Amino acid sequence: MKILMSLLFVTGLVMAQARVETFIIQIRDRSMSVLSPEKVNKKFTVLVENQSLSDQVVKLTVKGKILKYVSIKSGRTESVEIENNTTSNVVFVPVSPAFQEAELIFGKKAYEIPSKK
């Protein structure tokens, strides 16, 4: 029994270390919220939930260099894998419809970006 428990514990540790950190971005009609992971990681996932009434086209950039373009239909969720080998933060830029951009900051927990007025 002790061997089985030890094996489960070690397996759990290995699986926890292989876990990908995830940013969760929720797009609404007049605001956007970001839930960020605690630990900094070069490889991470950005999960975009489009809760607005319109389809969204966004780009993810670092220092102005485009990493990915993503198109998300209204009411859908898309997942994007990102690898950032720089020390700069990735920026989430809604292109269509245009909206306030959001810097993806590790360890900031949850934060909200209101629309520009």
Protein backbone atom coordinates (compact mmCIF):
# COMPACT_ATOMS: atom_id res chain seq x y z
CA MET A 1 0.00 0.00 0.00
CA LYS A 2 2.85 2.41 0.85
CA ILE A 3 4.49 1.69 -2.51
CA LEU A 4 1.25 2.47 -4.34
CA MET A 5 0.80 5.75 -2.44
CA SER A 6 4.42 6.74 -3.12
CA LEU A 7 4.01 5.95 -6.81
CA LEU A 8 0.84 8.07 -7.01
CA PHE A 9 2.58 10.95 -5.22
CA VAL A 10 5.61 10.88 -7.56
CA THR A 11 3.35 10.60 -10.63
CA GLY A 12 1.37 13.62 -9.39
CA LEU A 13 4.57 15.65 -9.00
CA VAL A 14 5.75 14.79 -12.50
CA MET A 15 2.37 15.70 -13.98
CA ALA A 16 2.30 18.98 -12.04
CA GLN A 17 5.70 19.96 -13.39
CA ALA A 18 4.61 19.28 -16.99
CA ARG A 19 1.52 21.49 -16.61
CA VAL A 20 1.38 24.44 -18.99
CA GLU A 21 0.68 27.83 -17.45
CA THR A 22 -2.41 29.53 -18.85
CA PHE A 23 -3.64 33.09 -19.27
CA ILE A 24 -7.43 33.28 -19.45
CA ILE A 25 -8.77 36.31 -21.32
CA GLN A 26 -12.49 37.04 -21.31
CA ILE A 27 -13.64 39.52 -23.94
CA ARG A 28 -16.95 41.28 -23.27
CA ASP A 29 -18.63 44.08 -25.20
CA ARG A 30 -17.27 46.93 -23.05
CA SER A 31 -14.43 45.36 -21.08
CA MET A 32 -11.86 42.59 -21.02
CA SER A 33 -10.55 40.64 -18.03
CA VAL A 34 -7.29 38.73 -17.70
CA LEU A 35 -6.52 35.95 -15.25
CA SER A 36 -2.78 35.30 -15.16
CA PRO A 37 -0.67 32.41 -13.87
CA GLU A 38 1.68 32.98 -10.93
CA LYS A 39 4.92 31.56 -12.31
CA VAL A 40 6.78 32.98 -15.31
CA ASN A 41 7.20 30.45 -18.10
CA LYS A 42 8.59 30.80 -21.63
CA LYS A 43 5.94 28.42 -22.97
CA PHE A 44 2.36 29.10 -21.98
CA THR A 45 -1.19 28.97 -23.26
CA VAL A 46 -3.56 31.86 -23.85
CA LEU A 47 -7.21 30.84 -23.58
CA VAL A 48 -9.50 33.47 -25.14
CA GLU A 49 -13.20 33.43 -24.29
CA ASN A 50 -15.25 35.66 -26.59
CA GLN A 51 -18.32 36.64 -24.56
CA SER A 52 -19.06 39.63 -26.78
CA LEU A 53 -21.74 39.86 -29.44
CA SER A 54 -19.26 40.18 -32.32
CA ASP A 55 -16.53 37.97 -33.79
CA GLN A 56 -13.02 38.99 -32.72
CA VAL A 57 -9.66 39.07 -34.50
CA VAL A 58 -6.69 39.51 -32.16
CA LYS A 59 -2.92 39.40 -32.43
CA LEU A 60 -0.33 38.52 -29.81
CA THR A 61 2.88 40.56 -30.04
CA VAL A 62 6.22 41.04 -28.29
CA LYS A 63 8.06 44.34 -28.85
CA GLY A 64 5.89 44.95 -31.93
CA LYS A 65 6.74 41.55 -33.46
CA ILE A 66 3.62 39.52 -34.23
CA LEU A 67 3.64 36.04 -32.67
CA LYS A 68 0.13 34.86 -33.62
CA TYR A 69 -3.16 35.98 -35.13
CA VAL A 70 -6.34 34.44 -33.73
CA SER A 71 -9.95 34.65 -34.90
CA ILE A 72 -12.64 33.89 -32.33
CA LYS A 73 -16.34 33.63 -33.17
CA SER A 74 -18.88 35.16 -30.78
CA GLY A 75 -19.65 32.81 -27.88
CA ARG A 76 -16.61 30.60 -28.58
CA THR A 77 -13.29 29.92 -26.87
CA GLU A 78 -9.91 29.52 -28.58
CA SER A 79 -6.62 28.26 -27.16
CA VAL A 80 -3.22 29.49 -28.41
CA GLU A 81 0.22 28.14 -27.50
CA ILE A 82 2.87 30.87 -27.08
CA GLU A 83 6.63 30.64 -26.73
CA ASN A 84 8.25 33.90 -25.63
CA ASN A 85 12.05 33.73 -25.49
CA THR A 86 12.42 37.43 -24.59
CA THR A 87 12.23 39.18 -21.24
CA SER A 88 9.41 41.42 -22.51
CA ASN A 89 5.75 40.67 -21.85
CA VAL A 90 3.41 39.46 -24.57
CA VAL A 91 0.74 42.01 -25.56
CA PHE A 92 -2.80 40.94 -26.48
CA VAL A 93 -4.10 43.31 -29.18
CA PRO A 94 -7.75 43.18 -30.34
CA VAL A 95 -7.69 44.18 -34.02
CA SER A 96 -11.28 43.82 -35.17
CA PRO A 97 -13.23 45.32 -33.57
CA ALA A 98 -10.48 47.54 -32.18
CA PHE A 99 -10.22 47.58 -28.41
CA GLN A 100 -7.75 48.44 -25.67
CA GLU A 101 -4.67 46.19 -25.74
CA ALA A 102 -3.66 44.18 -22.67
CA GLU A 103 -0.16 43.31 -21.52
CA LEU A 104 -0.01 39.71 -20.27
CA ILE A 105 1.76 39.98 -16.92
CA PHE A 106 2.64 36.86 -14.94
CA GLY A 107 1.78 36.89 -11.24
CA LYS A 108 -0.76 39.70 -11.43
CA LYS A 109 -3.64 37.27 -10.71
CA ALA A 110 -6.78 38.89 -12.19
CA TYR A 111 -7.12 42.34 -13.74
CA GLU A 112 -9.66 44.11 -15.94
CA ILE A 113 -9.11 46.35 -18.95
CA PRO A 114 -11.96 48.82 -19.58
CA SER A 115 -12.62 50.20 -23.04
CA LYS A 116 -11.04 53.52 -24.00
CA LYS A 117 -13.52 56.37 -23.76
